[in-house]
Amino acid sequence: MRLLLISCFLYISFSAKASQIALIIDDMGNNEKDAMAFTLPSNVTFAILPNKHLSKIFSKRATAQQREVILHMPMESLAGNNQEKNVLLSNMPPTQIVKMLKIALSTVPDAVGVNNHMGSRLTQLTLPMSVTMEFLSEQGLFFVDSRTTRYTKAEAIAKKNGVLSAKRNVFIDHIPSSEQIDKQFHRLLSLSKKHGYAVGIAHPYPQTLEYLKVHLQTLQKHGIELVKLSDVLSSGSTYAYHSNTKSQPISPAPKFQSSMKSKSR
């Protein structure tokens, strides 16, 4: 009987947590119109671009709402187009990577974690990612892998360095049409029910924000809870949804020695 009661309690506890979504709004701080996102529920996390005139303003305003803020760190893409100022590049030595991270964090001072902006090249490379994760570990910051390539090593390296982490499961508005936003939002809900939780990334497009303001209010009827991003962090393995992609793995960058203190594995 005692075992049965314990089993029932564990089942109920799991069920209570079984359907959760965490939502990130990427690219915050590019322009004044992004401020529309502040009307979303405070459990929605803002990923703020560094080195913008609105970076620190948005960081402080979001924190005043008790909203989690993360640094949306620019990282090198395979295409190499439209890269932000002070982007992390694969040919940077460790000291330069750390310098860029420190500069970026100084402009988003309330960040409790980091996710990658672009990064389809850099997140495939072990050495720059190891330097990045060693730094985040020392700073006590978590990491969310935006998964801009299916060949990313970022989350695995984060876990090796003891960095709490999560991964993006769905891009809600990769195609910012009403039909695709609705389709991807419901995919996010479906994945949360299947796996217990799911992490979605969206952008401060007017059509996305209008959609979310309406449909986030309907989560309860679906039996799903919107939680803070930190509630779904993990030091273990997680699942990921991958859309079809044509990206290919790249060859490792030339090796360089990390100047940062190595950690026990």
C-alpha atoms as a PDB file:
ATOM      1  CA  MET A   1       0.000   0.000   0.000  1.00  0.00           C
ATOM      2  CA  ARG A   2       2.809   2.384   0.906  1.00  0.00           C
ATOM      3  CA  LEU A   3       4.532   1.711  -2.428  1.00  0.00           C
ATOM      4  CA  LEU A   4       1.261   2.323  -4.251  1.00  0.00           C
ATOM      5  CA  LEU A   5       0.789   5.671  -2.494  1.00  0.00           C
ATOM      6  CA  ILE A   6       4.352   6.732  -3.342  1.00  0.00           C
ATOM      7  CA  SER A   7       3.830   5.733  -6.967  1.00  0.00           C
ATOM      8  CA  CYS A   8       0.597   7.721  -7.117  1.00  0.00           C
ATOM      9  CA  PHE A   9       2.298  10.749  -5.575  1.00  0.00           C
ATOM     10  CA  LEU A  10       5.137  10.581  -8.088  1.00  0.00           C
ATOM     11  CA  TYR A  11       2.672  10.222 -10.955  1.00  0.00           C
ATOM     12  CA  ILE A  12       0.664  13.213  -9.775  1.00  0.00           C
ATOM     13  CA  SER A  13       3.833  15.257  -9.280  1.00  0.00           C
ATOM     14  CA  PHE A  14       5.031  14.426 -12.765  1.00  0.00           C
ATOM     15  CA  SER A  15       1.636  15.176 -14.270  1.00  0.00           C
ATOM     16  CA  ALA A  16       1.562  18.561 -12.585  1.00  0.00           C
ATOM     17  CA  LYS A  17       4.821  19.439 -14.353  1.00  0.00           C
ATOM     18  CA  ALA A  18       4.207  17.443 -17.499  1.00  0.00           C
ATOM     19  CA  SER A  19       3.045  20.241 -19.770  1.00  0.00           C
ATOM     20  CA  GLN A  20       5.177  23.349 -19.631  1.00  0.00           C
ATOM     21  CA  ILE A  21       6.510  25.747 -22.207  1.00  0.00           C
ATOM     22  CA  ALA A  22       9.254  28.334 -21.890  1.00  0.00           C
ATOM     23  CA  LEU A  23       9.295  31.126 -24.426  1.00  0.00           C
ATOM     24  CA  ILE A  24      12.164  33.390 -25.516  1.00  0.00           C
ATOM     25  CA  ILE A  25      11.809  36.570 -27.537  1.00  0.00           C
ATOM     26  CA  ASP A  26      15.067  36.927 -29.478  1.00  0.00           C
ATOM     27  CA  ASP A  27      16.659  40.014 -31.037  1.00  0.00           C
ATOM     28  CA  MET A  28      15.344  42.421 -28.428  1.00  0.00           C
ATOM     29  CA  GLY A  29      16.913  45.880 -28.502  1.00  0.00           C
ATOM     30  CA  ASN A  30      17.205  46.471 -32.223  1.00  0.00           C
ATOM     31  CA  ASN A  31      14.629  49.264 -32.294  1.00  0.00           C
ATOM     32  CA  GLU A  32      11.982  51.061 -30.279  1.00  0.00           C
ATOM     33  CA  LYS A  33       9.164  48.953 -31.727  1.00  0.00           C
ATOM     34  CA  ASP A  34      10.549  45.938 -29.865  1.00  0.00           C
ATOM     35  CA  ALA A  35       9.088  47.515 -26.705  1.00  0.00           C
ATOM     36  CA  MET A  36       5.717  46.046 -27.706  1.00  0.00           C
ATOM     37  CA  ALA A  37       7.031  42.785 -26.258  1.00  0.00           C
ATOM     38  CA  PHE A  38       6.884  44.222 -22.727  1.00  0.00           C
ATOM     39  CA  THR A  39       3.119  43.622 -22.809  1.00  0.00           C
ATOM     40  CA  LEU A  40       3.691  39.850 -22.884  1.00  0.00           C
ATOM     41  CA  PRO A  41       3.482  37.853 -19.624  1.00  0.00           C
ATOM     42  CA  SER A  42       6.500  38.283 -17.364  1.00  0.00           C
ATOM     43  CA  ASN A  43       7.358  34.578 -17.627  1.00  0.00           C
ATOM     44  CA  VAL A  44       8.421  35.240 -21.218  1.00  0.00           C
ATOM     45  CA  THR A  45      12.217  35.653 -21.378  1.00  0.00           C
ATOM     46  CA  PHE A  46      13.898  38.410 -23.368  1.00  0.00           C
ATOM     47  CA  ALA A  47      17.119  37.636 -25.257  1.00  0.00           C
ATOM     48  CA  ILE A  48      18.672  41.082 -25.653  1.00  0.00           C
ATOM     49  CA  LEU A  49      21.265  41.908 -28.283  1.00  0.00           C
ATOM     50  CA  PRO A  50      24.383  43.545 -26.824  1.00  0.00           C
ATOM     51  CA  ASN A  51      26.063  46.796 -27.809  1.00  0.00           C
ATOM     52  CA  LYS A  52      22.821  48.503 -28.886  1.00  0.00           C
ATOM     53  CA  HIS A  53      21.588  51.842 -27.592  1.00  0.00           C
ATOM     54  CA  LEU A  54      18.553  50.033 -26.120  1.00  0.00           C
ATOM     55  CA  SER A  55      20.431  47.043 -24.663  1.00  0.00           C
ATOM     56  CA  LYS A  56      20.862  48.343 -21.134  1.00  0.00           C
ATOM     57  CA  ILE A  57      17.514  50.164 -21.123  1.00  0.00           C
ATOM     58  CA  PHE A  58      15.619  47.009 -22.082  1.00  0.00           C
ATOM     59  CA  SER A  59      17.650  44.937 -19.620  1.00  0.00           C
ATOM     60  CA  LYS A  60      16.685  47.172 -16.716  1.00  0.00           C
ATOM     61  CA  ARG A  61      13.063  47.502 -17.809  1.00  0.00           C
ATOM     62  CA  ALA A  62      12.631  43.751 -18.161  1.00  0.00           C
ATOM     63  CA  THR A  63      14.170  43.120 -14.750  1.00  0.00           C
ATOM     64  CA  ALA A  64      11.787  45.663 -13.227  1.00  0.00           C
ATOM     65  CA  GLN A  65       8.989  43.404 -14.510  1.00  0.00           C
ATOM     66  CA  GLN A  66      10.671  40.440 -12.771  1.00  0.00           C
ATOM     67  CA  ARG A  67      11.282  39.066 -16.244  1.00  0.00           C
ATOM     68  CA  GLU A  68      14.311  36.885 -16.973  1.00  0.00           C
ATOM     69  CA  VAL A  69      16.887  38.446 -19.277  1.00  0.00           C
ATOM     70  CA  ILE A  70      19.521  36.606 -21.249  1.00  0.00           C
ATOM     71  CA  LEU A  71      22.319  37.869 -23.476  1.00  0.00           C
ATOM     72  CA  HIS A  72      21.650  37.170 -27.155  1.00  0.00           C
ATOM     73  CA  MET A  73      25.307  36.747 -28.050  1.00  0.00           C
ATOM     74  CA  PRO A  74      26.245  37.194 -31.727  1.00  0.00           C
ATOM     75  CA  MET A  75      28.251  34.252 -33.037  1.00  0.00           C
ATOM     76  CA  GLU A  76      29.767  33.521 -36.411  1.00  0.00           C
ATOM     77  CA  SER A  77      27.431  32.055 -39.014  1.00  0.00           C
ATOM     78  CA  LEU A  78      28.292  29.846 -41.966  1.00  0.00           C
ATOM     79  CA  ALA A  79      27.126  32.530 -44.395  1.00  0.00           C
ATOM     80  CA  GLY A  80      28.993  35.284 -42.586  1.00  0.00           C
ATOM     81  CA  ASN A  81      26.370  37.857 -43.571  1.00  0.00           C
ATOM     82  CA  ASN A  82      24.826  40.627 -41.453  1.00  0.00           C
ATOM     83  CA  GLN A  83      26.997  39.848 -38.461  1.00  0.00           C
ATOM     84  CA  GLU A  84      26.711  42.097 -35.428  1.00  0.00           C
ATOM     85  CA  LYS A  85      29.393  44.236 -33.844  1.00  0.00           C
ATOM     86  CA  ASN A  86      31.756  42.273 -31.570  1.00  0.00           C
ATOM     87  CA  VAL A  87      30.553  38.928 -32.894  1.00  0.00           C
ATOM     88  CA  LEU A  88      32.410  35.846 -31.659  1.00  0.00           C
ATOM     89  CA  LEU A  89      34.505  34.458 -34.508  1.00  0.00           C
ATOM     90  CA  SER A  90      36.144  31.079 -34.997  1.00  0.00           C
ATOM     91  CA  ASN A  91      39.594  32.596 -35.520  1.00  0.00           C
ATOM     92  CA  MET A  92      39.596  34.502 -32.234  1.00  0.00           C
ATOM     93  CA  PRO A  93      42.043  33.441 -29.517  1.00  0.00           C
ATOM     94  CA  PRO A  94      40.519  32.570 -26.129  1.00  0.00           C
ATOM     95  CA  THR A  95      41.406  35.931 -24.601  1.00  0.00           C
ATOM     96  CA  GLN A  96      39.514  37.754 -27.356  1.00  0.00           C
ATOM     97  CA  ILE A  97      36.441  35.542 -26.951  1.00  0.00           C
ATOM     98  CA  VAL A  98      36.378  36.285 -23.238  1.00  0.00           C
ATOM     99  CA  LYS A  99      36.861  40.005 -23.897  1.00  0.00           C
ATOM    100  CA  MET A 100      33.903  40.098 -26.307  1.00  0.00           C
ATOM    101  CA  LEU A 101      31.710  38.232 -23.824  1.00  0.00           C
ATOM    102  CA  LYS A 102      32.598  40.651 -21.031  1.00  0.00           C
ATOM    103  CA  ILE A 103      31.874  43.677 -23.219  1.00  0.00           C
ATOM    104  CA  ALA A 104      28.542  42.206 -24.287  1.00  0.00           C
ATOM    105  CA  LEU A 105      27.494  41.394 -20.718  1.00  0.00           C
ATOM    106  CA  SER A 106      28.328  44.923 -19.590  1.00  0.00           C
ATOM    107  CA  THR A 107      25.625  46.192 -21.965  1.00  0.00           C
ATOM    108  CA  VAL A 108      23.045  43.614 -20.773  1.00  0.00           C
ATOM    109  CA  PRO A 109      23.854  43.814 -17.054  1.00  0.00           C
ATOM    110  CA  ASP A 110      20.868  41.830 -15.780  1.00  0.00           C
ATOM    111  CA  ALA A 111      21.505  38.743 -17.891  1.00  0.00           C
ATOM    112  CA  VAL A 112      21.171  35.441 -16.037  1.00  0.00           C
ATOM    113  CA  GLY A 113      22.082  33.395 -19.079  1.00  0.00           C
ATOM    114  CA  VAL A 114      23.137  33.440 -22.725  1.00  0.00           C
ATOM    115  CA  ASN A 115      21.850  32.146 -26.028  1.00  0.00           C
ATOM    116  CA  ASN A 116      23.401  32.371 -29.470  1.00  0.00           C
ATOM    117  CA  HIS A 117      22.421  34.870 -32.151  1.00  0.00           C
ATOM    118  CA  MET A 118      23.148  33.095 -35.454  1.00  0.00           C
ATOM    119  CA  GLY A 119      26.237  30.935 -34.751  1.00  0.00           C
ATOM    120  CA  SER A 120      25.728  28.159 -37.287  1.00  0.00           C
ATOM    121  CA  ARG A 121      29.512  28.035 -37.719  1.00  0.00           C
ATOM    122  CA  LEU A 122      30.806  28.790 -34.250  1.00  0.00           C
ATOM    123  CA  THR A 123      28.505  26.401 -32.376  1.00  0.00           C
ATOM    124  CA  GLN A 124      29.933  23.490 -34.404  1.00  0.00           C
ATOM    125  CA  LEU A 125      33.466  24.156 -33.165  1.00  0.00           C
ATOM    126  CA  THR A 126      34.708  22.551 -29.971  1.00  0.00           C
ATOM    127  CA  LEU A 127      37.446  24.944 -28.919  1.00  0.00           C
ATOM    128  CA  PRO A 128      35.660  28.313 -29.099  1.00  0.00           C
ATOM    129  CA  MET A 129      32.589  26.752 -27.523  1.00  0.00           C
ATOM    130  CA  SER A 130      34.703  25.301 -24.717  1.00  0.00           C
ATOM    131  CA  VAL A 131      36.211  28.713 -23.978  1.00  0.00           C
ATOM    132  CA  THR A 132      32.732  30.255 -24.004  1.00  0.00           C
ATOM    133  CA  MET A 133      31.260  27.645 -21.658  1.00  0.00           C
ATOM    134  CA  GLU A 134      34.210  27.814 -19.265  1.00  0.00           C
ATOM    135  CA  PHE A 135      33.585  31.546 -18.994  1.00  0.00           C
ATOM    136  CA  LEU A 136      29.833  31.094 -18.451  1.00  0.00           C
ATOM    137  CA  SER A 137      30.543  28.515 -15.761  1.00  0.00           C
ATOM    138  CA  GLU A 138      32.814  30.929 -13.936  1.00  0.00           C
ATOM    139  CA  GLN A 139      30.173  33.656 -14.177  1.00  0.00           C
ATOM    140  CA  GLY A 140      27.339  31.403 -12.999  1.00  0.00           C
ATOM    141  CA  LEU A 141      25.334  31.909 -16.209  1.00  0.00           C
ATOM    142  CA  PHE A 142      23.205  29.325 -17.979  1.00  0.00           C
ATOM    143  CA  PHE A 143      23.126  28.648 -21.727  1.00  0.00           C
ATOM    144  CA  VAL A 144      20.343  28.025 -24.221  1.00  0.00           C
ATOM    145  CA  ASP A 145      21.340  26.535 -27.542  1.00  0.00           C
ATOM    146  CA  SER A 146      19.282  28.237 -30.251  1.00  0.00           C
ATOM    147  CA  ARG A 147      20.216  25.353 -32.558  1.00  0.00           C
ATOM    148  CA  THR A 148      20.820  27.323 -35.737  1.00  0.00           C
ATOM    149  CA  THR A 149      22.443  24.161 -37.091  1.00  0.00           C
ATOM    150  CA  ARG A 150      21.683  20.538 -36.361  1.00  0.00           C
ATOM    151  CA  TYR A 151      25.424  19.972 -35.973  1.00  0.00           C
ATOM    152  CA  THR A 152      25.778  22.245 -32.960  1.00  0.00           C
ATOM    153  CA  LYS A 153      27.993  21.087 -30.110  1.00  0.00           C
ATOM    154  CA  ALA A 154      27.092  23.988 -27.845  1.00  0.00           C
ATOM    155  CA  GLU A 155      24.734  22.305 -25.404  1.00  0.00           C
ATOM    156  CA  ALA A 156      26.896  19.190 -25.020  1.00  0.00           C
ATOM    157  CA  ILE A 157      29.950  21.338 -24.272  1.00  0.00           C
ATOM    158  CA  ALA A 158      27.923  23.441 -21.836  1.00  0.00           C
ATOM    159  CA  LYS A 159      27.014  20.328 -19.871  1.00  0.00           C
ATOM    160  CA  LYS A 160      30.641  19.126 -19.852  1.00  0.00           C
ATOM    161  CA  ASN A 161      31.568  22.405 -18.208  1.00  0.00           C
ATOM    162  CA  GLY A 162      28.806  22.196 -15.601  1.00  0.00           C
ATOM    163  CA  VAL A 163      26.710  24.932 -17.219  1.00  0.00           C
ATOM    164  CA  LEU A 164      22.971  24.522 -16.751  1.00  0.00           C
ATOM    165  CA  SER A 165      21.426  24.481 -20.197  1.00  0.00           C
ATOM    166  CA  ALA A 166      18.449  23.958 -22.448  1.00  0.00           C
ATOM    167  CA  LYS A 167      17.871  23.882 -26.175  1.00  0.00           C
ATOM    168  CA  ARG A 168      15.406  25.448 -28.547  1.00  0.00           C
ATOM    169  CA  ASN A 169      12.751  23.031 -29.729  1.00  0.00           C
ATOM    170  CA  VAL A 170      10.702  25.246 -32.044  1.00  0.00           C
ATOM    171  CA  PHE A 171      11.246  28.489 -33.917  1.00  0.00           C
ATOM    172  CA  ILE A 172       7.755  29.946 -33.856  1.00  0.00           C
ATOM    173  CA  ASP A 173       8.171  32.599 -36.546  1.00  0.00           C
ATOM    174  CA  HIS A 174      11.067  31.475 -38.713  1.00  0.00           C
ATOM    175  CA  ILE A 175       8.539  32.070 -41.476  1.00  0.00           C
ATOM    176  CA  PRO A 176       6.642  35.080 -40.073  1.00  0.00           C
ATOM    177  CA  SER A 177       3.273  34.451 -41.720  1.00  0.00           C
ATOM    178  CA  SER A 178       0.102  34.073 -39.651  1.00  0.00           C
ATOM    179  CA  GLU A 179      -0.365  30.500 -40.830  1.00  0.00           C
ATOM    180  CA  GLN A 180       3.178  29.414 -39.965  1.00  0.00           C
ATOM    181  CA  ILE A 181       3.182  31.184 -36.600  1.00  0.00           C
ATOM    182  CA  ASP A 182      -0.008  29.354 -35.662  1.00  0.00           C
ATOM    183  CA  LYS A 183       1.344  26.027 -36.939  1.00  0.00           C
ATOM    184  CA  GLN A 184       4.618  26.324 -35.041  1.00  0.00           C
ATOM    185  CA  PHE A 185       2.956  27.535 -31.850  1.00  0.00           C
ATOM    186  CA  HIS A 186       0.744  24.465 -31.809  1.00  0.00           C
ATOM    187  CA  ARG A 187       3.773  22.285 -32.548  1.00  0.00           C
ATOM    188  CA  LEU A 188       5.354  23.780 -29.416  1.00  0.00           C
ATOM    189  CA  LEU A 189       2.279  22.842 -27.396  1.00  0.00           C
ATOM    190  CA  SER A 190       2.247  19.338 -28.840  1.00  0.00           C
ATOM    191  CA  LEU A 191       5.915  18.782 -27.990  1.00  0.00           C
ATOM    192  CA  SER A 192       5.374  20.008 -24.435  1.00  0.00           C
ATOM    193  CA  LYS A 193       2.647  17.422 -23.943  1.00  0.00           C
ATOM    194  CA  LYS A 194       4.757  14.674 -25.490  1.00  0.00           C
ATOM    195  CA  HIS A 195       8.006  15.397 -23.652  1.00  0.00           C
ATOM    196  CA  GLY A 196       6.923  17.269 -20.526  1.00  0.00           C
ATOM    197  CA  TYR A 197       8.157  20.669 -21.641  1.00  0.00           C
ATOM    198  CA  ALA A 198       9.310  22.551 -24.716  1.00  0.00           C
ATOM    199  CA  VAL A 199      11.302  25.695 -25.409  1.00  0.00           C
ATOM    200  CA  GLY A 200      10.178  28.082 -28.118  1.00  0.00           C
ATOM    201  CA  ILE A 201      11.932  31.049 -29.675  1.00  0.00           C
ATOM    202  CA  ALA A 202      10.101  33.916 -31.350  1.00  0.00           C
ATOM    203  CA  HIS A 203      10.962  37.442 -32.442  1.00  0.00           C
ATOM    204  CA  PRO A 204       9.457  40.859 -31.736  1.00  0.00           C
ATOM    205  CA  TYR A 205       7.650  41.044 -35.057  1.00  0.00           C
ATOM    206  CA  PRO A 206       4.315  42.869 -34.679  1.00  0.00           C
ATOM    207  CA  GLN A 207       2.351  39.895 -36.035  1.00  0.00           C
ATOM    208  CA  THR A 208       4.128  37.498 -33.659  1.00  0.00           C
ATOM    209  CA  LEU A 209       3.528  39.676 -30.603  1.00  0.00           C
ATOM    210  CA  GLU A 210      -0.145  40.137 -31.447  1.00  0.00           C
ATOM    211  CA  TYR A 211      -0.549  36.389 -31.874  1.00  0.00           C
ATOM    212  CA  LEU A 212       1.200  35.582 -28.604  1.00  0.00           C
ATOM    213  CA  LYS A 213      -0.766  38.156 -26.607  1.00  0.00           C
ATOM    214  CA  VAL A 214      -3.944  36.335 -27.584  1.00  0.00           C
ATOM    215  CA  HIS A 215      -2.868  32.715 -27.584  1.00  0.00           C
ATOM    216  CA  LEU A 216      -0.719  32.647 -24.457  1.00  0.00           C
ATOM    217  CA  GLN A 217      -3.945  33.343 -22.591  1.00  0.00           C
ATOM    218  CA  THR A 218      -5.387  30.053 -23.886  1.00  0.00           C
ATOM    219  CA  LEU A 219      -2.665  27.781 -22.501  1.00  0.00           C
ATOM    220  CA  GLN A 220      -4.652  26.774 -19.439  1.00  0.00           C
ATOM    221  CA  LYS A 221      -7.412  25.214 -21.496  1.00  0.00           C
ATOM    222  CA  HIS A 222      -4.748  23.116 -23.208  1.00  0.00           C
ATOM    223  CA  GLY A 223      -3.424  21.987 -19.820  1.00  0.00           C
ATOM    224  CA  ILE A 224      -0.130  23.779 -20.396  1.00  0.00           C
ATOM    225  CA  GLU A 225       1.725  26.236 -18.175  1.00  0.00           C
ATOM    226  CA  LEU A 226       3.986  29.058 -19.317  1.00  0.00           C
ATOM    227  CA  VAL A 227       7.042  28.924 -17.045  1.00  0.00           C
ATOM    228  CA  LYS A 228      10.243  30.891 -16.709  1.00  0.00           C
ATOM    229  CA  LEU A 229      13.152  29.698 -18.784  1.00  0.00           C
ATOM    230  CA  SER A 230      15.177  28.828 -15.687  1.00  0.00           C
ATOM    231  CA  ASP A 231      12.485  26.294 -14.743  1.00  0.00           C
ATOM    232  CA  VAL A 232      13.407  24.031 -17.657  1.00  0.00           C
ATOM    233  CA  LEU A 233      17.176  24.141 -17.340  1.00  0.00           C
ATOM    234  CA  SER A 234      18.906  20.809 -17.122  1.00  0.00           C
ATOM    235  CA  SER A 235      22.300  19.288 -16.511  1.00  0.00           C
ATOM    236  CA  GLY A 236      21.192  16.101 -18.251  1.00  0.00           C
ATOM    237  CA  SER A 237      20.102  15.200 -21.739  1.00  0.00           C
ATOM    238  CA  THR A 238      17.058  16.773 -23.385  1.00  0.00           C
ATOM    239  CA  TYR A 239      15.250  16.324 -26.662  1.00  0.00           C
ATOM    240  CA  ALA A 240      15.072  18.663 -29.624  1.00  0.00           C
ATOM    241  CA  TYR A 241      12.750  19.133 -32.559  1.00  0.00           C
ATOM    242  CA  HIS A 242      14.627  19.632 -35.824  1.00  0.00           C
ATOM    243  CA  SER A 243      13.015  21.032 -38.923  1.00  0.00           C
ATOM    244  CA  ASN A 244      14.433  19.912 -42.260  1.00  0.00           C
ATOM    245  CA  THR A 245      17.726  21.607 -42.934  1.00  0.00           C
ATOM    246  CA  LYS A 246      20.348  21.530 -45.653  1.00  0.00           C
ATOM    247  CA  SER A 247      23.221  22.549 -43.416  1.00  0.00           C
ATOM    248  CA  GLN A 248      26.307  20.353 -43.316  1.00  0.00           C
ATOM    249  CA  PRO A 249      28.934  19.761 -40.644  1.00  0.00           C
ATOM    250  CA  ILE A 250      32.099  21.781 -41.046  1.00  0.00           C
ATOM    251  CA  SER A 251      35.701  20.822 -40.549  1.00  0.00           C
ATOM    252  CA  PRO A 252      37.232  21.731 -37.180  1.00  0.00           C
ATOM    253  CA  ALA A 253      38.927  25.096 -36.951  1.00  0.00           C
ATOM    254  CA  PRO A 254      42.692  25.180 -36.391  1.00  0.00           C
ATOM    255  CA  LYS A 255      43.490  24.231 -32.845  1.00  0.00           C
ATOM    256  CA  PHE A 256      44.440  26.827 -30.268  1.00  0.00           C
ATOM    257  CA  GLN A 257      45.249  26.469 -26.608  1.00  0.00           C
ATOM    258  CA  SER A 258      42.781  27.732 -24.051  1.00  0.00           C
ATOM    259  CA  SER A 259      44.363  30.170 -21.621  1.00  0.00           C
ATOM    260  CA  MET A 260      41.527  29.635 -19.149  1.00  0.00           C
ATOM    261  CA  LYS A 261      41.757  27.282 -16.220  1.00  0.00           C
ATOM    262  CA  SER A 262      40.678  23.820 -17.238  1.00  0.00           C
ATOM    263  CA  LYS A 263      37.967  22.070 -15.247  1.00  0.00           C
ATOM    264  CA  SER A 264      37.743  18.477 -14.148  1.00  0.00           C
ATOM    265  CA  ARG A 265      35.582  16.424 -16.462  1.00  0.00           C
END
